[in-house]
Amino acid sequence: AKDFSSRTNISGAVSVKFNSDDSEVTFYVPDGATELSKSDKGTIAS
C-alpha cells in the first residue's frame, strides 16, 4: 500500500486494514479517487 502511494498520481497515502483472520482486506485511498475514470479504478484494483 505504501509503495503504491508513491507510484500513483493520487494525492495522499493509501492505507490498509485487515479483519481478525485476514479473510478480508480493505484498502483506503484518498477521497479524490472517486473522480477517477472507471478504467483507472479498475487498474488500481487489479
All heavy atoms as atom14 arrays in JSON, in Angstrom:
{
  "sequence": "AKDFSSRTNISGAVSVKFNSDDSEVTFYVPDGATELSKSDKGTIAS",
  "atom14_mask": [
    [1, 1, 1, 1, 1, 0, 0, 0, 0, 0, 0, 0, 0, 0],
    [1, 1, 1, 1, 1, 1, 1, 1, 1, 0, 0, 0, 0, 0],
    [1, 1, 1, 1, 1, 1, 1, 1, 0, 0, 0, 0, 0, 0],
    [1, 1, 1, 1, 1, 1, 1, 1, 1, 1, 1, 0, 0, 0],
    [1, 1, 1, 1, 1, 1, 0, 0, 0, 0, 0, 0, 0, 0],
    [1, 1, 1, 1, 1, 1, 0, 0, 0, 0, 0, 0, 0, 0],
    [1, 1, 1, 1, 1, 1, 1, 1, 1, 1, 1, 0, 0, 0],
    [1, 1, 1, 1, 1, 1, 1, 0, 0, 0, 0, 0, 0, 0],
    [1, 1, 1, 1, 1, 1, 1, 1, 0, 0, 0, 0, 0, 0],
    [1, 1, 1, 1, 1, 1, 1, 1, 0, 0, 0, 0, 0, 0],
    [1, 1, 1, 1, 1, 1, 0, 0, 0, 0, 0, 0, 0, 0],
    [1, 1, 1, 1, 0, 0, 0, 0, 0, 0, 0, 0, 0, 0],
    [1, 1, 1, 1, 1, 0, 0, 0, 0, 0, 0, 0, 0, 0],
    [1, 1, 1, 1, 1, 1, 1, 0, 0, 0, 0, 0, 0, 0],
    [1, 1, 1, 1, 1, 1, 0, 0, 0, 0, 0, 0, 0, 0],
    [1, 1, 1, 1, 1, 1, 1, 0, 0, 0, 0, 0, 0, 0],
    [1, 1, 1, 1, 1, 1, 1, 1, 1, 0, 0, 0, 0, 0],
    [1, 1, 1, 1, 1, 1, 1, 1, 1, 1, 1, 0, 0, 0],
    [1, 1, 1, 1, 1, 1, 1, 1, 0, 0, 0, 0, 0, 0],
    [1, 1, 1, 1, 1, 1, 0, 0, 0, 0, 0, 0, 0, 0],
    [1, 1, 1, 1, 1, 1, 1, 1, 0, 0, 0, 0, 0, 0],
    [1, 1, 1, 1, 1, 1, 1, 1, 0, 0, 0, 0, 0, 0],
    [1, 1, 1, 1, 1, 1, 0, 0, 0, 0, 0, 0, 0, 0],
    [1, 1, 1, 1, 1, 1, 1, 1, 1, 0, 0, 0, 0, 0],
    [1, 1, 1, 1, 1, 1, 1, 0, 0, 0, 0, 0, 0, 0],
    [1, 1, 1, 1, 1, 1, 1, 0, 0, 0, 0, 0, 0, 0],
    [1, 1, 1, 1, 1, 1, 1, 1, 1, 1, 1, 0, 0, 0],
    [1, 1, 1, 1, 1, 1, 1, 1, 1, 1, 1, 1, 0, 0],
    [1, 1, 1, 1, 1, 1, 1, 0, 0, 0, 0, 0, 0, 0],
    [1, 1, 1, 1, 1, 1, 1, 0, 0, 0, 0, 0, 0, 0],
    [1, 1, 1, 1, 1, 1, 1, 1, 0, 0, 0, 0, 0, 0],
    [1, 1, 1, 1, 0, 0, 0, 0, 0, 0, 0, 0, 0, 0],
    [1, 1, 1, 1, 1, 0, 0, 0, 0, 0, 0, 0, 0, 0],
    [1, 1, 1, 1, 1, 1, 1, 0, 0, 0, 0, 0, 0, 0],
    [1, 1, 1, 1, 1, 1, 1, 1, 1, 0, 0, 0, 0, 0],
    [1, 1, 1, 1, 1, 1, 1, 1, 0, 0, 0, 0, 0, 0],
    [1, 1, 1, 1, 1, 1, 0, 0, 0, 0, 0, 0, 0, 0],
    [1, 1, 1, 1, 1, 1, 1, 1, 1, 0, 0, 0, 0, 0],
    [1, 1, 1, 1, 1, 1, 0, 0, 0, 0, 0, 0, 0, 0],
    [1, 1, 1, 1, 1, 1, 1, 1, 0, 0, 0, 0, 0, 0],
    [1, 1, 1, 1, 1, 1, 1, 1, 1, 0, 0, 0, 0, 0],
    [1, 1, 1, 1, 0, 0, 0, 0, 0, 0, 0, 0, 0, 0],
    [1, 1, 1, 1, 1, 1, 1, 0, 0, 0, 0, 0, 0, 0],
    [1, 1, 1, 1, 1, 1, 1, 1, 0, 0, 0, 0, 0, 0],
    [1, 1, 1, 1, 1, 0, 0, 0, 0, 0, 0, 0, 0, 0],
    [1, 1, 1, 1, 1, 1, 0, 0, 0, 0, 0, 0, 0, 0]
  ],
  "atom14_positions": [
    [[0.83, -1.21, 0.0], [0.0, 0.0, 0.0], [0.87, 1.26, 0.0], [0.6, 2.22, -0.74], [-0.92, -0.01, 1.21], [0.0, 0.0, 0.0], [0.0, 0.0, 0.0], [0.0, 0.0, 0.0], [0.0, 0.0, 0.0], [0.0, 0.0, 0.0], [0.0, 0.0, 0.0], [0.0, 0.0, 0.0], [0.0, 0.0, 0.0], [0.0, 0.0, 0.0]],
    [[1.91, 1.25, 0.81], [2.79, 2.42, 0.89], [3.52, 2.63, -0.43], [3.65, 3.78, -0.91], [3.8, 2.22, 2.02], [4.73, 3.4, 2.23], [5.66, 3.13, 3.41], [6.61, 4.32, 3.62], [7.54, 4.07, 4.75], [0.0, 0.0, 0.0], [0.0, 0.0, 0.0], [0.0, 0.0, 0.0], [0.0, 0.0, 0.0], [0.0, 0.0, 0.0]],
    [[3.99, 1.54, -1.04], [4.72, 1.64, -2.3], [3.78, 2.1, -3.41], [4.17, 2.87, -4.29], [5.31, 0.27, -2.64], [6.12, 0.3, -3.92], [7.11, 1.03, -3.97], [5.74, -0.44, -4.86], [0.0, 0.0, 0.0], [0.0, 0.0, 0.0], [0.0, 0.0, 0.0], [0.0, 0.0, 0.0], [0.0, 0.0, 0.0], [0.0, 0.0, 0.0]],
    [[2.52, 1.64, -3.35], [1.55, 2.03, -4.37], [1.28, 3.52, -4.31], [1.1, 4.17, -5.34], [0.25, 1.24, -4.18], [-0.81, 1.58, -5.18], [-0.74, 1.1, -6.48], [-1.88, 2.41, -4.83], [-1.73, 1.42, -7.4], [-2.86, 2.73, -5.76], [-2.78, 2.23, -7.05], [0.0, 0.0, 0.0], [0.0, 0.0, 0.0], [0.0, 0.0, 0.0]],
    [[1.29, 4.1, -3.11], [1.03, 5.53, -2.96], [2.07, 6.35, -3.7], [1.75, 7.38, -4.31], [1.05, 5.9, -1.47], [0.05, 5.21, -0.78], [0.0, 0.0, 0.0], [0.0, 0.0, 0.0], [0.0, 0.0, 0.0], [0.0, 0.0, 0.0], [0.0, 0.0, 0.0], [0.0, 0.0, 0.0], [0.0, 0.0, 0.0], [0.0, 0.0, 0.0]],
    [[3.31, 5.89, -3.69], [4.38, 6.64, -4.33], [4.41, 6.44, -5.85], [5.06, 7.18, -6.57], [5.73, 6.24, -3.74], [5.98, 4.85, -4.0], [0.0, 0.0, 0.0], [0.0, 0.0, 0.0], [0.0, 0.0, 0.0], [0.0, 0.0, 0.0], [0.0, 0.0, 0.0], [0.0, 0.0, 0.0], [0.0, 0.0, 0.0], [0.0, 0.0, 0.0]],
    [[3.68, 5.41, -6.35], [3.7, 5.09, -7.76], [2.54, 5.75, -8.52], [2.51, 5.72, -9.75], [3.6, 3.57, -7.97], [4.85, 2.81, -7.6], [4.57, 1.32, -7.6], [5.78, 0.58, -7.32], [6.51, -0.07, -8.23], [6.14, -0.04, -9.49], [7.61, -0.71, -7.89], [0.0, 0.0, 0.0], [0.0, 0.0, 0.0], [0.0, 0.0, 0.0]],
    [[1.55, 6.27, -7.83], [0.36, 6.8, -8.5], [0.29, 8.31, -8.36], [1.02, 8.92, -7.58], [-0.92, 6.2, -7.89], [-1.0, 6.58, -6.53], [-0.91, 4.69, -8.01], [0.0, 0.0, 0.0], [0.0, 0.0, 0.0], [0.0, 0.0, 0.0], [0.0, 0.0, 0.0], [0.0, 0.0, 0.0], [0.0, 0.0, 0.0], [0.0, 0.0, 0.0]],
    [[-0.62, 8.85, -9.16], [-0.81, 10.31, -9.1], [-1.9, 10.71, -8.14], [-2.41, 11.82, -8.19], [-1.12, 10.85, -10.5], [-2.32, 10.14, -11.12], [-2.94, 9.3, -10.48], [-2.65, 10.51, -12.37], [0.0, 0.0, 0.0], [0.0, 0.0, 0.0], [0.0, 0.0, 0.0], [0.0, 0.0, 0.0], [0.0, 0.0, 0.0], [0.0, 0.0, 0.0]],
    [[-2.31, 9.74, -7.25], [-3.32, 10.05, -6.25], [-2.63, 10.81, -5.13], [-1.62, 10.37, -4.58], [-3.97, 8.77, -5.7], [-4.66, 8.0, -6.83], [-4.96, 9.1, -4.61], [-5.25, 6.68, -6.39], [0.0, 0.0, 0.0], [0.0, 0.0, 0.0], [0.0, 0.0, 0.0], [0.0, 0.0, 0.0], [0.0, 0.0, 0.0], [0.0, 0.0, 0.0]],
    [[-3.16, 11.94, -4.81], [-2.57, 12.71, -3.72], [-3.02, 12.13, -2.39], [-4.22, 11.99, -2.15], [-2.97, 14.18, -3.82], [-4.37, 14.31, -3.77], [0.0, 0.0, 0.0], [0.0, 0.0, 0.0], [0.0, 0.0, 0.0], [0.0, 0.0, 0.0], [0.0, 0.0, 0.0], [0.0, 0.0, 0.0], [0.0, 0.0, 0.0], [0.0, 0.0, 0.0]],
    [[-2.07, 11.79, -1.55], [-2.4, 11.21, -0.25], [-2.0, 9.75, -0.16], [-1.82, 9.07, -1.18], [0.0, 0.0, 0.0], [0.0, 0.0, 0.0], [0.0, 0.0, 0.0], [0.0, 0.0, 0.0], [0.0, 0.0, 0.0], [0.0, 0.0, 0.0], [0.0, 0.0, 0.0], [0.0, 0.0, 0.0], [0.0, 0.0, 0.0], [0.0, 0.0, 0.0]],
    [[-1.82, 9.29, 1.06], [-1.35, 7.92, 1.29], [-2.48, 6.91, 1.16], [-3.65, 7.22, 1.37], [-0.72, 7.81, 2.68], [0.0, 0.0, 0.0], [0.0, 0.0, 0.0], [0.0, 0.0, 0.0], [0.0, 0.0, 0.0], [0.0, 0.0, 0.0], [0.0, 0.0, 0.0], [0.0, 0.0, 0.0], [0.0, 0.0, 0.0], [0.0, 0.0, 0.0]],
    [[-2.09, 5.68, 0.83], [-3.02, 4.55, 0.78], [-2.76, 3.69, 2.02], [-1.63, 3.29, 2.29], [-2.83, 3.71, -0.49], [-3.75, 2.49, -0.45], [-3.09, 4.55, -1.73], [0.0, 0.0, 0.0], [0.0, 0.0, 0.0], [0.0, 0.0, 0.0], [0.0, 0.0, 0.0], [0.0, 0.0, 0.0], [0.0, 0.0, 0.0], [0.0, 0.0, 0.0]],
    [[-3.78, 3.46, 2.78], [-3.63, 2.63, 3.99], [-4.41, 1.32, 3.8], [-5.17, 1.17, 2.84], [-4.13, 3.37, 5.23], [-5.51, 3.71, 5.07], [0.0, 0.0, 0.0], [0.0, 0.0, 0.0], [0.0, 0.0, 0.0], [0.0, 0.0, 0.0], [0.0, 0.0, 0.0], [0.0, 0.0, 0.0], [0.0, 0.0, 0.0], [0.0, 0.0, 0.0]],
    [[-4.22, 0.39, 4.74], [-4.87, -0.92, 4.61], [-5.32, -1.41, 5.98], [-4.67, -1.12, 6.99], [-3.91, -1.95, 3.94], [-2.67, -2.16, 4.78], [-4.63, -3.27, 3.67], [0.0, 0.0, 0.0], [0.0, 0.0, 0.0], [0.0, 0.0, 0.0], [0.0, 0.0, 0.0], [0.0, 0.0, 0.0], [0.0, 0.0, 0.0], [0.0, 0.0, 0.0]],
    [[-6.41, -2.13, 6.0], [-6.95, -2.67, 7.24], [-7.34, -4.14, 7.03], [-7.84, -4.51, 5.96], [-8.17, -1.86, 7.69], [-8.74, -2.27, 9.04], [-9.9, -1.38, 9.43], [-10.5, -1.77, 10.77], [-11.65, -0.9, 11.14], [0.0, 0.0, 0.0], [0.0, 0.0, 0.0], [0.0, 0.0, 0.0], [0.0, 0.0, 0.0], [0.0, 0.0, 0.0]],
    [[-7.15, -4.95, 8.06], [-7.44, -6.39, 7.98], [-8.49, -6.75, 9.03], [-8.52, -6.15, 10.11], [-6.19, -7.23, 8.25], [-5.0, -6.82, 7.42], [-4.12, -5.83, 7.86], [-4.76, -7.42, 6.19], [-3.03, -5.45, 7.11], [-3.65, -7.05, 5.43], [-2.79, -6.06, 5.88], [0.0, 0.0, 0.0], [0.0, 0.0, 0.0], [0.0, 0.0, 0.0]],
    [[-9.33, -7.74, 8.72], [-10.2, -8.26, 9.78], [-9.4, -9.26, 10.62], [-8.2, -9.48, 10.4], [-11.48, -8.89, 9.21], [-11.22, -10.18, 8.44], [-10.09, -10.45, 8.06], [-12.26, -10.96, 8.21], [0.0, 0.0, 0.0], [0.0, 0.0, 0.0], [0.0, 0.0, 0.0], [0.0, 0.0, 0.0], [0.0, 0.0, 0.0], [0.0, 0.0, 0.0]],
    [[-10.04, -9.88, 11.6], [-9.31, -10.68, 12.6], [-8.53, -11.84, 12.0], [-7.44, -12.19, 12.47], [-10.27, -11.22, 13.66], [-11.27, -12.05, 13.06], [0.0, 0.0, 0.0], [0.0, 0.0, 0.0], [0.0, 0.0, 0.0], [0.0, 0.0, 0.0], [0.0, 0.0, 0.0], [0.0, 0.0, 0.0], [0.0, 0.0, 0.0], [0.0, 0.0, 0.0]],
    [[-9.06, -12.5, 10.97], [-8.36, -13.66, 10.4], [-7.8, -13.38, 9.01], [-7.41, -14.32, 8.29], [-9.3, -14.88, 10.35], [-10.54, -14.62, 9.51], [-10.69, -13.49, 8.99], [-11.36, -15.55, 9.38], [0.0, 0.0, 0.0], [0.0, 0.0, 0.0], [0.0, 0.0, 0.0], [0.0, 0.0, 0.0], [0.0, 0.0, 0.0], [0.0, 0.0, 0.0]],
    [[-7.74, -12.13, 8.64], [-7.17, -11.71, 7.34], [-7.97, -12.23, 6.15], [-7.45, -12.28, 5.03], [-5.7, -12.14, 7.21], [-4.79, -11.31, 8.09], [-5.28, -10.32, 8.68], [-3.6, -11.65, 8.2], [0.0, 0.0, 0.0], [0.0, 0.0, 0.0], [0.0, 0.0, 0.0], [0.0, 0.0, 0.0], [0.0, 0.0, 0.0], [0.0, 0.0, 0.0]],
    [[-9.2, -12.64, 6.37], [-10.01, -13.11, 5.23], [-10.57, -11.94, 4.44], [-11.02, -12.11, 3.31], [-11.14, -14.01, 5.72], [-12.01, -13.29, 6.58], [0.0, 0.0, 0.0], [0.0, 0.0, 0.0], [0.0, 0.0, 0.0], [0.0, 0.0, 0.0], [0.0, 0.0, 0.0], [0.0, 0.0, 0.0], [0.0, 0.0, 0.0], [0.0, 0.0, 0.0]],
    [[-10.56, -10.75, 5.05], [-11.0, -9.54, 4.36], [-9.91, -8.47, 4.49], [-9.39, -8.22, 5.58], [-12.31, -9.02, 4.95], [-13.5, -9.95, 4.72], [-14.79, -9.35, 5.24], [-14.78, -8.16, 5.61], [-15.79, -10.08, 5.28], [0.0, 0.0, 0.0], [0.0, 0.0, 0.0], [0.0, 0.0, 0.0], [0.0, 0.0, 0.0], [0.0, 0.0, 0.0]],
    [[-9.59, -7.86, 3.35], [-8.57, -6.79, 3.32], [-9.21, -5.56, 2.66], [-9.8, -5.67, 1.58], [-7.32, -7.22, 2.52], [-6.31, -6.07, 2.46], [-6.69, -8.45, 3.15], [0.0, 0.0, 0.0], [0.0, 0.0, 0.0], [0.0, 0.0, 0.0], [0.0, 0.0, 0.0], [0.0, 0.0, 0.0], [0.0, 0.0, 0.0], [0.0, 0.0, 0.0]],
    [[-9.08, -4.42, 3.32], [-9.66, -3.18, 2.79], [-8.58, -2.13, 2.62], [-7.84, -1.82, 3.58], [-10.76, -2.63, 3.73], [-11.76, -3.65, 3.92], [-11.39, -1.39, 3.13], [0.0, 0.0, 0.0], [0.0, 0.0, 0.0], [0.0, 0.0, 0.0], [0.0, 0.0, 0.0], [0.0, 0.0, 0.0], [0.0, 0.0, 0.0], [0.0, 0.0, 0.0]],
    [[-8.45, -1.63, 1.4], [-7.51, -0.54, 1.12], [-8.28, 0.78, 1.15], [-9.38, 0.88, 0.57], [-6.87, -0.71, -0.27], [-5.96, -1.91, -0.37], [-6.45, -3.12, -0.83], [-4.63, -1.82, 0.0], [-5.62, -4.22, -0.94], [-3.8, -2.92, -0.1], [-4.29, -4.13, -0.57], [0.0, 0.0, 0.0], [0.0, 0.0, 0.0], [0.0, 0.0, 0.0]],
    [[-7.72, 1.76, 1.83], [-8.34, 3.08, 1.91], [-7.51, 4.07, 1.08], [-6.3, 4.23, 1.32], [-8.42, 3.55, 3.35], [-9.39, 2.71, 4.19], [-8.93, 1.69, 5.0], [-10.76, 2.97, 4.13], [-9.8, 0.92, 5.74], [-11.63, 2.2, 4.88], [-11.15, 1.17, 5.68], [-12.03, 0.4, 6.41], [0.0, 0.0, 0.0], [0.0, 0.0, 0.0]],
    [[-8.16, 4.67, 0.11], [-7.48, 5.62, -0.78], [-8.02, 7.03, -0.51], [-9.09, 7.18, 0.09], [-7.71, 5.23, -2.26], [-7.07, 3.87, -2.56], [-9.18, 5.21, -2.61], [0.0, 0.0, 0.0], [0.0, 0.0, 0.0], [0.0, 0.0, 0.0], [0.0, 0.0, 0.0], [0.0, 0.0, 0.0], [0.0, 0.0, 0.0], [0.0, 0.0, 0.0]],
    [[-7.31, 8.04, -0.93], [-7.81, 9.42, -0.73], [-9.16, 9.62, -1.4], [-9.5, 8.93, -2.37], [-6.72, 10.28, -1.37], [-5.48, 9.44, -1.3], [-5.95, 8.02, -1.5], [0.0, 0.0, 0.0], [0.0, 0.0, 0.0], [0.0, 0.0, 0.0], [0.0, 0.0, 0.0], [0.0, 0.0, 0.0], [0.0, 0.0, 0.0], [0.0, 0.0, 0.0]],
    [[-9.92, 10.58, -0.9], [-11.26, 10.82, -1.41], [-11.27, 11.2, -2.89], [-12.25, 10.98, -3.61], [-11.94, 11.93, -0.6], [-12.16, 11.5, 0.85], [-12.15, 10.27, 1.09], [-12.35, 12.37, 1.71], [0.0, 0.0, 0.0], [0.0, 0.0, 0.0], [0.0, 0.0, 0.0], [0.0, 0.0, 0.0], [0.0, 0.0, 0.0], [0.0, 0.0, 0.0]],
    [[-10.15, 11.73, -3.35], [-10.09, 12.14, -4.75], [-10.17, 10.99, -5.72], [-10.38, 11.19, -6.93], [0.0, 0.0, 0.0], [0.0, 0.0, 0.0], [0.0, 0.0, 0.0], [0.0, 0.0, 0.0], [0.0, 0.0, 0.0], [0.0, 0.0, 0.0], [0.0, 0.0, 0.0], [0.0, 0.0, 0.0], [0.0, 0.0, 0.0], [0.0, 0.0, 0.0]],
    [[-10.05, 9.76, -5.24], [-10.11, 8.59, -6.13], [-11.48, 8.44, -6.76], [-11.63, 7.79, -7.81], [-9.74, 7.33, -5.35], [0.0, 0.0, 0.0], [0.0, 0.0, 0.0], [0.0, 0.0, 0.0], [0.0, 0.0, 0.0], [0.0, 0.0, 0.0], [0.0, 0.0, 0.0], [0.0, 0.0, 0.0], [0.0, 0.0, 0.0], [0.0, 0.0, 0.0]],
    [[-12.48, 9.04, -6.16], [-13.83, 8.93, -6.73], [-13.93, 9.65, -8.07], [-14.84, 9.39, -8.86], [-14.88, 9.51, -5.76], [-14.53, 10.88, -5.47], [-14.93, 8.72, -4.47], [0.0, 0.0, 0.0], [0.0, 0.0, 0.0], [0.0, 0.0, 0.0], [0.0, 0.0, 0.0], [0.0, 0.0, 0.0], [0.0, 0.0, 0.0], [0.0, 0.0, 0.0]],
    [[-13.0, 10.59, -8.36], [-13.02, 11.35, -9.6], [-12.33, 10.6, -10.74], [-12.39, 11.04, -11.88], [-12.32, 12.71, -9.39], [-12.9, 13.53, -8.26], [-14.36, 13.9, -8.5], [-14.74, 14.07, -9.69], [-15.13, 14.0, -7.52], [0.0, 0.0, 0.0], [0.0, 0.0, 0.0], [0.0, 0.0, 0.0], [0.0, 0.0, 0.0], [0.0, 0.0, 0.0]],
    [[-11.69, 9.47, -10.43], [-11.0, 8.72, -11.46], [-12.0, 8.03, -12.38], [-13.15, 7.76, -12.0], [-10.09, 7.67, -10.83], [-8.93, 8.18, -9.97], [-8.22, 6.99, -9.31], [-7.95, 8.97, -10.82], [0.0, 0.0, 0.0], [0.0, 0.0, 0.0], [0.0, 0.0, 0.0], [0.0, 0.0, 0.0], [0.0, 0.0, 0.0], [0.0, 0.0, 0.0]],
    [[-11.53, 7.73, -13.59], [-12.39, 7.01, -14.52], [-12.55, 5.57, -14.06], [-11.76, 5.05, -13.25], [-11.78, 7.04, -15.93], [-10.57, 6.29, -15.95], [0.0, 0.0, 0.0], [0.0, 0.0, 0.0], [0.0, 0.0, 0.0], [0.0, 0.0, 0.0], [0.0, 0.0, 0.0], [0.0, 0.0, 0.0], [0.0, 0.0, 0.0], [0.0, 0.0, 0.0]],
    [[-13.56, 4.92, -14.62], [-13.8, 3.51, -14.25], [-12.6, 2.64, -14.64], [-12.23, 1.7, -13.93], [-15.08, 3.03, -14.92], [-15.5, 1.64, -14.46], [-16.85, 1.27, -15.04], [-17.3, -0.09, -14.53], [-18.64, -0.46, -15.06], [0.0, 0.0, 0.0], [0.0, 0.0, 0.0], [0.0, 0.0, 0.0], [0.0, 0.0, 0.0], [0.0, 0.0, 0.0]],
    [[-11.98, 3.01, -15.76], [-10.82, 2.25, -16.23], [-9.65, 2.38, -15.26], [-8.98, 1.4, -14.91], [-10.41, 2.74, -17.63], [-9.24, 2.08, -18.05], [0.0, 0.0, 0.0], [0.0, 0.0, 0.0], [0.0, 0.0, 0.0], [0.0, 0.0, 0.0], [0.0, 0.0, 0.0], [0.0, 0.0, 0.0], [0.0, 0.0, 0.0], [0.0, 0.0, 0.0]],
    [[-9.42, 3.62, -14.77], [-8.32, 3.85, -13.82], [-8.6, 3.13, -12.5], [-7.69, 2.57, -11.87], [-8.11, 5.35, -13.59], [-7.49, 6.04, -14.79], [-6.89, 5.32, -15.62], [-7.63, 7.26, -14.88], [0.0, 0.0, 0.0], [0.0, 0.0, 0.0], [0.0, 0.0, 0.0], [0.0, 0.0, 0.0], [0.0, 0.0, 0.0], [0.0, 0.0, 0.0]],
    [[-9.84, 3.17, -12.09], [-10.21, 2.47, -10.85], [-9.94, 0.96, -11.01], [-9.44, 0.31, -10.1], [-11.68, 2.7, -10.52], [-12.02, 4.11, -10.1], [-13.52, 4.26, -9.86], [-13.91, 5.67, -9.46], [-15.38, 5.82, -9.28], [0.0, 0.0, 0.0], [0.0, 0.0, 0.0], [0.0, 0.0, 0.0], [0.0, 0.0, 0.0], [0.0, 0.0, 0.0]],
    [[-10.28, 0.44, -12.19], [-10.05, -0.99, -12.45], [-8.58, -1.33, -12.43], [-8.18, -2.4, -11.93], [0.0, 0.0, 0.0], [0.0, 0.0, 0.0], [0.0, 0.0, 0.0], [0.0, 0.0, 0.0], [0.0, 0.0, 0.0], [0.0, 0.0, 0.0], [0.0, 0.0, 0.0], [0.0, 0.0, 0.0], [0.0, 0.0, 0.0], [0.0, 0.0, 0.0]],
    [[-7.75, -0.42, -12.97], [-6.3, -0.66, -12.99], [-5.75, -0.7, -11.57], [-4.94, -1.57, -11.22], [-5.59, 0.46, -13.79], [-6.09, 0.46, -15.13], [-4.09, 0.23, -13.8], [0.0, 0.0, 0.0], [0.0, 0.0, 0.0], [0.0, 0.0, 0.0], [0.0, 0.0, 0.0], [0.0, 0.0, 0.0], [0.0, 0.0, 0.0], [0.0, 0.0, 0.0]],
    [[-6.2, 0.24, -10.74], [-5.75, 0.27, -9.34], [-6.18, -1.01, -8.61], [-5.4, -1.64, -7.89], [-6.33, 1.51, -8.62], [-5.74, 2.8, -9.22], [-6.08, 1.44, -7.12], [-6.39, 4.06, -8.7], [0.0, 0.0, 0.0], [0.0, 0.0, 0.0], [0.0, 0.0, 0.0], [0.0, 0.0, 0.0], [0.0, 0.0, 0.0], [0.0, 0.0, 0.0]],
    [[-7.43, -1.39, -8.83], [-7.96, -2.59, -8.15], [-7.2, -3.84, -8.57], [-6.82, -4.67, -7.73], [-9.45, -2.73, -8.47], [0.0, 0.0, 0.0], [0.0, 0.0, 0.0], [0.0, 0.0, 0.0], [0.0, 0.0, 0.0], [0.0, 0.0, 0.0], [0.0, 0.0, 0.0], [0.0, 0.0, 0.0], [0.0, 0.0, 0.0], [0.0, 0.0, 0.0]],
    [[-6.95, -3.98, -9.88], [-6.22, -5.16, -10.36], [-4.83, -5.24, -9.74], [-4.39, -6.31, -9.32], [-6.11, -5.12, -11.89], [-7.39, -5.2, -12.48], [0.0, 0.0, 0.0], [0.0, 0.0, 0.0], [0.0, 0.0, 0.0], [0.0, 0.0, 0.0], [0.0, 0.0, 0.0], [0.0, 0.0, 0.0], [0.0, 0.0, 0.0], [0.0, 0.0, 0.0]]
  ]
}
